[in-house]
Amino acid sequence: MVFVVGGKPEDERQEEELWNISKQIVEKAVLQAVQQYSQERKQKEKKAKAKKDSFLQVSECSEQWKKKK
């Protein structure tokens, strides 16, 4: 027995609803993954910049020390 609600069989409506929910779940998971990747990349860039800046400071100090001699 098939029930028709609003012109569509009930099974078709349920299938469409499940499809929409699944699509939302996947979209949310992808968005979260992209945000996490972006945050991790920014953190790595900050660390790399801090390391580079630290190296430059040491180099500058070394150069100044050499000039004083």
C-alpha atoms as a PDB file:
ATOM      1  CA  MET A   1       0.000   0.000   0.000  1.00  0.00           C
ATOM      2  CA  VAL A   2       1.423   3.424  -0.980  1.00  0.00           C
ATOM      3  CA  PHE A   3       0.234   6.643   0.614  1.00  0.00           C
ATOM      4  CA  VAL A   4       0.348   9.834  -1.402  1.00  0.00           C
ATOM      5  CA  VAL A   5       0.859  13.122   0.449  1.00  0.00           C
ATOM      6  CA  GLY A   6       1.042  16.357  -1.517  1.00  0.00           C
ATOM      7  CA  GLY A   7       1.284  14.535  -4.830  1.00  0.00           C
ATOM      8  CA  LYS A   8       4.351  12.406  -3.921  1.00  0.00           C
ATOM      9  CA  PRO A   9       4.429   8.897  -2.506  1.00  0.00           C
ATOM     10  CA  GLU A  10       5.471   8.797   1.167  1.00  0.00           C
ATOM     11  CA  ASP A  11       8.564   6.693   0.376  1.00  0.00           C
ATOM     12  CA  GLU A  12       9.724   9.276  -2.154  1.00  0.00           C
ATOM     13  CA  ARG A  13       9.259  12.108   0.363  1.00  0.00           C
ATOM     14  CA  GLN A  14      11.247  10.216   2.995  1.00  0.00           C
ATOM     15  CA  GLU A  15      13.994   9.443   0.513  1.00  0.00           C
ATOM     16  CA  GLU A  16      14.180  13.104  -0.496  1.00  0.00           C
ATOM     17  CA  GLU A  17      14.305  14.171   3.162  1.00  0.00           C
ATOM     18  CA  LEU A  18      17.099  11.690   3.899  1.00  0.00           C
ATOM     19  CA  TRP A  19      18.998  12.949   0.851  1.00  0.00           C
ATOM     20  CA  ASN A  20      18.699  16.561   2.044  1.00  0.00           C
ATOM     21  CA  ILE A  21      19.832  15.659   5.559  1.00  0.00           C
ATOM     22  CA  SER A  22      22.776  13.643   4.214  1.00  0.00           C
ATOM     23  CA  LYS A  23      23.751  16.540   1.962  1.00  0.00           C
ATOM     24  CA  GLN A  24      23.684  18.954   4.928  1.00  0.00           C
ATOM     25  CA  ILE A  25      25.849  16.608   7.005  1.00  0.00           C
ATOM     26  CA  VAL A  26      28.423  16.292   4.235  1.00  0.00           C
ATOM     27  CA  GLU A  27      28.468  20.057   3.596  1.00  0.00           C
ATOM     28  CA  LYS A  28      28.979  20.720   7.301  1.00  0.00           C
ATOM     29  CA  ALA A  29      31.801  18.159   7.521  1.00  0.00           C
ATOM     30  CA  VAL A  30      33.542  19.640   4.477  1.00  0.00           C
ATOM     31  CA  LEU A  31      33.203  23.175   5.857  1.00  0.00           C
ATOM     32  CA  GLN A  32      34.660  22.095   9.208  1.00  0.00           C
ATOM     33  CA  ALA A  33      37.557  20.327   7.484  1.00  0.00           C
ATOM     34  CA  VAL A  34      38.332  23.406   5.384  1.00  0.00           C
ATOM     35  CA  GLN A  35      38.221  25.646   8.457  1.00  0.00           C
ATOM     36  CA  GLN A  36      40.499  23.304  10.409  1.00  0.00           C
ATOM     37  CA  TYR A  37      42.957  23.117   7.514  1.00  0.00           C
ATOM     38  CA  SER A  38      42.948  26.905   7.237  1.00  0.00           C
ATOM     39  CA  GLN A  39      43.598  27.354  10.961  1.00  0.00           C
ATOM     40  CA  GLU A  40      46.407  24.796  10.970  1.00  0.00           C
ATOM     41  CA  ARG A  41      48.007  26.430   7.941  1.00  0.00           C
ATOM     42  CA  LYS A  42      47.861  29.863   9.587  1.00  0.00           C
ATOM     43  CA  GLN A  43      49.485  28.439  12.724  1.00  0.00           C
ATOM     44  CA  LYS A  44      52.266  26.852  10.673  1.00  0.00           C
ATOM     45  CA  GLU A  45      52.834  30.122   8.811  1.00  0.00           C
ATOM     46  CA  LYS A  46      53.034  32.023  12.122  1.00  0.00           C
ATOM     47  CA  LYS A  47      55.543  29.525  13.500  1.00  0.00           C
ATOM     48  CA  ALA A  48      57.629  29.678  10.330  1.00  0.00           C
ATOM     49  CA  LYS A  49      57.593  33.485  10.405  1.00  0.00           C
ATOM     50  CA  ALA A  50      58.539  33.554  14.090  1.00  0.00           C
ATOM     51  CA  LYS A  51      61.390  31.130  13.405  1.00  0.00           C
ATOM     52  CA  LYS A  52      62.591  33.238  10.473  1.00  0.00           C
ATOM     53  CA  ASP A  53      62.361  36.444  12.518  1.00  0.00           C
ATOM     54  CA  SER A  54      64.288  34.805  15.344  1.00  0.00           C
ATOM     55  CA  PHE A  55      66.990  33.677  12.927  1.00  0.00           C
ATOM     56  CA  LEU A  56      67.234  37.195  11.479  1.00  0.00           C
ATOM     57  CA  GLN A  57      67.577  38.695  14.955  1.00  0.00           C
ATOM     58  CA  VAL A  58      70.381  36.274  15.797  1.00  0.00           C
ATOM     59  CA  SER A  59      72.067  37.084  12.485  1.00  0.00           C
ATOM     60  CA  GLU A  60      71.810  40.818  13.148  1.00  0.00           C
ATOM     61  CA  CYS A  61      73.229  40.432  16.633  1.00  0.00           C
ATOM     62  CA  SER A  62      76.057  38.333  15.272  1.00  0.00           C
ATOM     63  CA  GLU A  63      76.836  40.949  12.614  1.00  0.00           C
ATOM     64  CA  GLN A  64      76.824  43.746  15.217  1.00  0.00           C
ATOM     65  CA  TRP A  65      79.102  41.737  17.470  1.00  0.00           C
ATOM     66  CA  LYS A  66      81.526  41.145  14.592  1.00  0.00           C
ATOM     67  CA  LYS A  67      81.581  44.879  13.802  1.00  0.00           C
ATOM     68  CA  LYS A  68      82.432  45.742  17.410  1.00  0.00           C
ATOM     69  CA  LYS A  69      85.532  43.562  17.339  1.00  0.00           C
END
